[in-house]
Amino acid sequence: MIPNFDYGNYIMDSFEFESGRVLENVNVEYETRGVPEYDENGNIANAVIYCPTLKGGHSILAQHHDIIYNLDKDAYFVIKITSLGAPNSCSPSSTELKYYFPEYTIKDRVNFKRQFLAEKFNITEIFGIIGEGTGGFEVYTWACEYPDEMEFIIVLNSTYKTYGRRYIQIKVAEAIIDSCDDFYNPQYNVSLSKLIVSIARLMFLSYYSEKTFERLSNDEIDVLMEDYVDESLFMDIYDFKSRNDCLLKYDVSDKLYNIKAKSLILGINDFLSFNTKKDIFPLKDMIKDSKIVTFQDKEDIYEPADYSDLGLEIVSFLKQFK
């Protein structure tokens, strides 16, 4: 029996990208919690895939382990898979391919996880998928491209396409990278570290609520920004560039009607990285069996104690599947 907690790496013989390029000996980092349940055919029937945001500590769901990992240890087998293109799984930095790493899409990321699940756990159908932020991009893409493979999806603070403010931010990051003559230099140069600092400052702009920025003094904002930049210094610039190119092309707006899974879409007003009116509310008419819930008046957008109502919504939604 698989234990309540497992963490490790799995090597897939190969992986083929949508572009046709193939990499061999592909590493996949994963983590599991809970105990798998098996159906009459011997297949795992209670797998829930967790797709986290890129924000690390600035993640709402990650701070709710009682909701995500400990939903009900007897009911869910939660699997978190480090995405294609991210450190510790197959990425430009981990393969040392840097700018030679194959261009990938969100669908490639989904197929990467689907292939891993099939090889490692013999899973071809999952119970549900939960995602936040850019992790939600994978959830929407998975549910659109393979609508018969899951019973439910839960998405927090995400969207179904790259446009508007988000598109501009990605294009500015692209321009910052293009301005660095040393990006394609095979030898490391200190200018690459300066590049990461500039990009981190740009990304910081979207990682807190408007109310949070308004109530802080400039000195307090400086402290938060520098802490964020320090955390971002561990980011590999080639991993970031590949991911930035991927997000630039993300758009499943014309495929949302394919989704068959019961869907809980959660959004927090005043969140600067997306717009609830455009990214959340339209989904009620675009996804057939969906429930839309938005939250407002959060004093601190990343304070776990301020999200008991969000947890209750998730628990209430999941009760229908027990």
Protein backbone atom coordinates (compact mmCIF):
# COMPACT_ATOMS: atom_id res chain seq x y z
CA MET A 1 0.00 0.00 0.00
CA ILE A 2 1.22 3.52 -0.80
CA PRO A 3 1.88 5.44 2.46
CA ASN A 4 -0.04 8.54 3.62
CA PHE A 5 2.84 10.70 2.44
CA ASP A 6 5.28 10.08 -0.37
CA TYR A 7 7.77 12.32 -2.12
CA GLY A 8 10.12 11.42 -4.92
CA ASN A 9 11.20 11.54 -8.54
CA TYR A 10 10.20 9.37 -11.47
CA ILE A 11 12.04 9.05 -14.79
CA MET A 12 9.95 8.73 -17.93
CA ASP A 13 11.80 7.16 -20.85
CA SER A 14 10.78 10.02 -23.12
CA PHE A 15 8.29 12.83 -23.60
CA GLU A 16 7.07 14.28 -26.89
CA PHE A 17 6.10 17.95 -27.06
CA GLU A 18 3.31 19.33 -29.24
CA SER A 19 6.06 20.74 -31.45
CA GLY A 20 7.26 17.19 -32.19
CA ARG A 21 10.51 17.51 -30.23
CA VAL A 22 11.30 14.62 -27.93
CA LEU A 23 13.37 14.55 -24.74
CA GLU A 24 14.63 11.32 -23.21
CA ASN A 25 15.10 10.35 -19.56
CA VAL A 26 12.57 12.94 -18.40
CA ASN A 27 12.47 13.62 -14.66
CA VAL A 28 9.18 14.21 -12.84
CA GLU A 29 9.06 15.40 -9.23
CA TYR A 30 5.92 14.43 -7.32
CA GLU A 31 4.35 14.31 -3.88
CA THR A 32 1.35 12.35 -2.61
CA ARG A 33 -0.84 12.49 0.45
CA GLY A 34 -3.61 10.19 1.57
CA VAL A 35 -4.43 6.58 0.77
CA PRO A 36 -5.54 5.40 -2.69
CA GLU A 37 -8.84 3.61 -3.11
CA TYR A 38 -9.25 1.03 -5.87
CA ASP A 39 -12.26 0.25 -8.03
CA GLU A 40 -13.35 -3.23 -9.10
CA ASN A 41 -10.84 -3.14 -11.96
CA GLY A 42 -7.93 -2.38 -9.64
CA ASN A 43 -7.59 1.26 -10.71
CA ILE A 44 -7.11 4.17 -8.30
CA ALA A 45 -10.50 5.88 -8.06
CA ASN A 46 -9.92 8.78 -5.64
CA ALA A 47 -6.95 10.66 -7.18
CA VAL A 48 -7.10 14.44 -6.84
CA ILE A 49 -4.43 16.40 -8.71
CA TYR A 50 -3.19 19.62 -7.10
CA CYS A 51 -1.74 22.25 -9.47
CA PRO A 52 -0.18 25.01 -7.33
CA THR A 53 0.47 28.59 -8.31
CA LEU A 54 3.98 29.81 -9.06
CA LYS A 55 3.92 32.21 -6.13
CA GLY A 56 5.40 29.86 -3.56
CA GLY A 57 4.72 31.39 -0.14
CA HIS A 58 2.31 33.86 -1.75
CA SER A 59 -0.24 31.12 -2.30
CA ILE A 60 -3.63 31.00 -0.63
CA LEU A 61 -4.37 27.31 -1.17
CA ALA A 62 -0.85 26.28 -0.13
CA GLN A 63 -1.56 27.82 3.27
CA HIS A 64 -4.66 25.66 3.64
CA HIS A 65 -3.17 22.18 3.92
CA ASP A 66 -6.19 21.06 5.91
CA ILE A 67 -8.26 21.85 2.81
CA ILE A 68 -5.95 20.62 0.06
CA TYR A 69 -3.87 17.78 1.50
CA ASN A 70 -5.98 16.71 4.44
CA LEU A 71 -9.42 17.05 2.88
CA ASP A 72 -10.20 13.58 4.15
CA LYS A 73 -7.31 11.14 4.28
CA ASP A 74 -9.68 8.25 3.81
CA ALA A 75 -11.44 9.81 0.82
CA TYR A 76 -8.78 11.45 -1.35
CA PHE A 77 -5.39 10.49 -2.74
CA VAL A 78 -3.87 13.92 -3.47
CA ILE A 79 -1.02 14.08 -6.01
CA LYS A 80 1.05 17.22 -6.58
CA ILE A 81 3.27 17.01 -9.68
CA THR A 82 5.95 19.59 -10.38
CA SER A 83 5.12 20.95 -13.82
CA LEU A 84 7.08 20.60 -17.02
CA GLY A 85 9.44 23.57 -17.24
CA ALA A 86 9.70 24.01 -13.47
CA PRO A 87 12.86 23.33 -11.43
CA ASN A 88 13.20 19.80 -10.01
CA SER A 89 11.13 18.38 -12.86
CA CYS A 90 12.21 18.51 -16.51
CA SER A 91 13.16 22.14 -17.19
CA PRO A 92 15.75 24.31 -18.96
CA SER A 93 17.81 24.50 -15.74
CA SER A 94 17.53 20.88 -14.61
CA THR A 95 18.43 19.53 -18.08
CA GLU A 96 21.08 22.24 -18.56
CA LEU A 97 19.61 22.84 -22.02
CA LYS A 98 18.93 26.49 -21.11
CA TYR A 99 17.70 28.33 -24.24
CA TYR A 100 17.83 25.09 -26.26
CA PHE A 101 15.01 23.61 -24.19
CA PRO A 102 11.95 22.79 -26.36
CA GLU A 103 9.24 25.43 -26.51
CA TYR A 104 6.22 24.13 -24.62
CA THR A 105 2.54 24.95 -24.12
CA ILE A 106 0.07 24.58 -21.25
CA LYS A 107 -1.25 21.50 -23.05
CA ASP A 108 2.30 20.08 -22.99
CA ARG A 109 2.29 20.63 -19.23
CA VAL A 110 -0.99 18.76 -18.94
CA ASN A 111 0.21 15.89 -21.14
CA PHE A 112 3.42 15.71 -19.09
CA LYS A 113 1.34 15.09 -15.96
CA ARG A 114 -1.07 12.72 -17.70
CA GLN A 115 1.80 10.58 -18.99
CA PHE A 116 3.38 10.50 -15.52
CA LEU A 117 0.10 9.44 -13.91
CA ALA A 118 -0.40 6.67 -16.46
CA GLU A 119 3.15 5.33 -16.08
CA LYS A 120 3.64 5.72 -12.33
CA PHE A 121 0.15 4.97 -10.98
CA ASN A 122 -1.70 3.49 -13.97
CA ILE A 123 -4.15 6.41 -13.68
CA THR A 124 -5.95 7.47 -16.85
CA GLU A 125 -9.01 8.99 -15.18
CA ILE A 126 -8.85 11.21 -12.11
CA PHE A 127 -11.41 12.12 -9.48
CA GLY A 128 -10.72 15.85 -9.65
CA ILE A 129 -8.22 18.67 -10.18
CA ILE A 130 -7.56 21.69 -7.97
CA GLY A 131 -5.51 24.67 -9.15
CA GLU A 132 -4.61 28.24 -8.25
CA GLY A 133 -3.22 31.05 -10.39
CA THR A 134 -1.16 29.63 -13.23
CA GLY A 135 -1.97 26.18 -11.86
CA GLY A 136 -5.52 27.00 -12.84
CA PHE A 137 -4.36 27.34 -16.45
CA GLU A 138 -3.50 23.64 -16.36
CA VAL A 139 -6.84 22.78 -14.76
CA TYR A 140 -8.85 24.61 -17.42
CA THR A 141 -6.73 23.16 -20.23
CA TRP A 142 -7.00 19.62 -18.85
CA ALA A 143 -10.78 19.90 -18.45
CA CYS A 144 -11.16 21.40 -21.95
CA GLU A 145 -8.90 18.99 -23.81
CA TYR A 146 -9.81 15.82 -21.91
CA PRO A 147 -13.31 16.47 -20.53
CA ASP A 148 -14.10 12.81 -19.74
CA GLU A 149 -11.10 12.31 -17.45
CA MET A 150 -12.36 13.99 -14.24
CA GLU A 151 -15.51 14.47 -12.16
CA PHE A 152 -14.77 17.92 -10.73
CA ILE A 153 -12.45 20.91 -10.94
CA ILE A 154 -11.78 23.67 -8.40
CA VAL A 155 -9.99 26.82 -9.56
CA LEU A 156 -8.95 29.84 -7.46
CA ASN A 157 -7.77 33.23 -8.73
CA SER A 158 -7.12 32.18 -12.31
CA THR A 159 -8.31 32.88 -15.83
CA TYR A 160 -8.90 31.20 -19.17
CA LYS A 161 -6.63 33.32 -21.37
CA THR A 162 -3.72 35.74 -21.38
CA TYR A 163 -4.92 39.24 -22.18
CA GLY A 164 -4.96 42.84 -20.94
CA ARG A 165 -2.78 43.67 -17.91
CA ARG A 166 -1.39 40.16 -17.72
CA TYR A 167 -0.44 40.18 -21.40
CA ILE A 168 1.31 43.53 -21.00
CA GLN A 169 3.24 42.30 -17.97
CA ILE A 170 4.43 39.21 -19.86
CA LYS A 171 5.43 41.32 -22.88
CA VAL A 172 7.39 43.73 -20.65
CA ALA A 173 9.22 40.77 -19.08
CA GLU A 174 9.97 39.53 -22.59
CA ALA A 175 11.38 42.95 -23.53
CA ILE A 176 13.55 43.03 -20.40
CA ILE A 177 15.05 39.66 -21.32
CA ASP A 178 15.56 40.68 -24.95
CA SER A 179 17.47 43.76 -23.77
CA CYS A 180 20.15 41.55 -22.16
CA ASP A 181 22.95 40.72 -24.60
CA ASP A 182 24.27 38.02 -22.28
CA PHE A 183 21.12 35.89 -22.23
CA TYR A 184 22.41 33.65 -25.04
CA ASN A 185 25.98 33.66 -23.77
CA PRO A 186 26.98 30.09 -22.78
CA GLN A 187 28.95 31.48 -19.84
CA TYR A 188 27.13 32.84 -16.78
CA ASN A 189 27.29 36.62 -16.39
CA VAL A 190 26.28 38.79 -13.43
CA SER A 191 23.97 40.69 -15.77
CA LEU A 192 21.63 37.65 -15.63
CA SER A 193 21.19 38.17 -11.88
CA LYS A 194 20.37 41.82 -12.50
CA LEU A 195 17.86 40.62 -15.09
CA ILE A 196 16.12 38.46 -12.48
CA VAL A 197 15.94 41.41 -10.06
CA SER A 198 14.27 43.62 -12.69
CA ILE A 199 11.76 40.92 -13.58
CA ALA A 200 11.01 40.19 -9.90
CA ARG A 201 10.19 43.84 -9.28
CA LEU A 202 7.79 43.74 -12.23
CA MET A 203 6.12 40.56 -10.96
CA PHE A 204 5.80 41.97 -7.44
CA LEU A 205 3.33 44.53 -8.75
CA SER A 206 0.65 41.83 -9.09
CA TYR A 207 1.25 39.80 -5.95
CA TYR A 208 -0.71 41.82 -3.40
CA SER A 209 -4.12 43.42 -3.33
CA GLU A 210 -4.75 47.05 -4.12
CA LYS A 211 -5.95 47.53 -0.54
CA THR A 212 -2.72 46.07 0.81
CA PHE A 213 -0.61 48.50 -1.20
CA GLU A 214 -2.81 51.44 -0.22
CA ARG A 215 -2.56 50.80 3.53
CA LEU A 216 1.23 50.38 3.51
CA SER A 217 3.76 53.18 3.64
CA ASN A 218 6.38 53.41 0.89
CA ASP A 219 9.00 52.15 3.35
CA GLU A 220 6.86 49.11 4.16
CA ILE A 221 6.33 48.43 0.45
CA ASP A 222 10.11 48.63 -0.06
CA VAL A 223 10.64 45.97 2.61
CA LEU A 224 8.06 43.65 1.06
CA MET A 225 9.49 44.20 -2.40
CA GLU A 226 13.05 43.45 -1.32
CA ASP A 227 11.94 40.30 0.48
CA TYR A 228 10.16 39.21 -2.68
CA VAL A 229 13.21 39.99 -4.82
CA ASP A 230 15.48 38.05 -2.44
CA GLU A 231 13.17 35.03 -2.75
CA SER A 232 13.17 35.39 -6.54
CA LEU A 233 16.97 35.26 -6.79
CA PHE A 234 16.61 31.47 -6.67
CA MET A 235 14.63 31.64 -9.92
CA ASP A 236 16.48 30.46 -13.02
CA ILE A 237 16.21 32.97 -15.85
CA TYR A 238 15.96 30.26 -18.53
CA ASP A 239 13.14 28.52 -16.67
CA PHE A 240 11.39 31.86 -16.41
CA LYS A 241 11.84 32.69 -20.11
CA SER A 242 10.37 29.33 -21.22
CA ARG A 243 7.42 29.74 -18.87
CA ASN A 244 6.88 33.35 -19.93
CA ASP A 245 6.74 32.29 -23.60
CA CYS A 246 4.27 29.55 -22.69
CA LEU A 247 1.92 31.85 -20.77
CA LEU A 248 1.96 34.38 -23.59
CA LYS A 249 0.08 31.93 -25.84
CA TYR A 250 -2.40 30.63 -23.27
CA ASP A 251 -6.06 30.85 -24.39
CA VAL A 252 -8.80 28.23 -23.95
CA SER A 253 -11.72 30.64 -24.20
CA ASP A 254 -13.09 28.88 -27.31
CA LYS A 255 -12.90 25.44 -25.64
CA LEU A 256 -14.54 26.06 -22.26
CA TYR A 257 -17.83 24.68 -23.58
CA ASN A 258 -16.10 21.25 -23.69
CA ILE A 259 -15.88 21.06 -19.90
CA LYS A 260 -18.14 18.38 -18.42
CA ALA A 261 -16.79 18.33 -14.86
CA LYS A 262 -18.67 19.94 -12.00
CA SER A 263 -16.77 23.17 -11.47
CA LEU A 264 -16.18 25.43 -8.49
CA ILE A 265 -14.64 28.73 -9.60
CA LEU A 266 -13.36 30.95 -6.78
CA GLY A 267 -12.13 34.52 -7.09
CA ILE A 268 -11.01 37.24 -4.72
CA ASN A 269 -11.91 40.81 -5.56
CA ASP A 270 -9.13 43.40 -5.43
CA PHE A 271 -6.58 40.80 -6.55
CA LEU A 272 -4.28 42.68 -8.90
CA SER A 273 -3.20 39.80 -11.12
CA PHE A 274 -6.67 39.25 -12.58
CA ASN A 275 -10.13 40.80 -12.85
CA THR A 276 -13.10 38.97 -11.29
CA LYS A 277 -15.59 40.68 -13.59
CA LYS A 278 -13.79 39.46 -16.72
CA ASP A 279 -11.99 36.32 -15.53
CA ILE A 280 -14.58 34.81 -13.17
CA PHE A 281 -18.17 35.95 -13.75
CA PRO A 282 -18.34 35.10 -17.50
CA LEU A 283 -17.55 31.45 -16.68
CA LYS A 284 -21.05 30.92 -15.33
CA ASP A 285 -22.32 30.99 -18.91
CA MET A 286 -19.21 29.39 -20.47
CA ILE A 287 -18.94 26.27 -18.26
CA LYS A 288 -22.16 24.29 -18.07
CA ASP A 289 -22.11 22.86 -14.54
CA SER A 290 -20.31 25.58 -12.62
CA LYS A 291 -20.62 27.47 -9.35
CA ILE A 292 -19.03 30.91 -9.11
CA VAL A 293 -18.05 32.35 -5.72
CA THR A 294 -16.15 35.60 -5.13
CA PHE A 295 -14.81 37.07 -1.91
CA GLN A 296 -14.12 40.66 -0.99
CA ASP A 297 -12.97 42.98 1.78
CA LYS A 298 -9.89 40.91 2.62
CA GLU A 299 -7.51 42.98 4.72
CA ASP A 300 -4.52 40.85 3.81
CA ILE A 301 -4.87 38.81 0.64
CA TYR A 302 -2.40 36.16 1.87
CA GLU A 303 -3.52 35.87 5.51
CA PRO A 304 -4.74 32.28 6.07
CA ALA A 305 -6.97 33.26 9.00
CA ASP A 306 -8.93 35.52 6.66
CA TYR A 307 -10.05 32.63 4.44
CA SER A 308 -12.25 30.40 6.57
CA ASP A 309 -15.14 31.23 4.23
CA LEU A 310 -13.13 30.00 1.23
CA GLY A 311 -12.39 26.74 3.01
CA LEU A 312 -16.05 26.23 3.81
CA GLU A 313 -16.99 26.68 0.15
CA ILE A 314 -14.47 24.02 -0.92
CA VAL A 315 -15.59 21.56 1.77
CA SER A 316 -19.26 22.14 0.92
CA PHE A 317 -18.60 21.59 -2.79
CA LEU A 318 -16.71 18.34 -2.18
CA LYS A 319 -19.40 16.86 0.05
CA GLN A 320 -21.54 16.10 -3.01
CA PHE A 321 -18.93 13.57 -4.19
CA LYS A 322 -18.77 11.52 -0.98
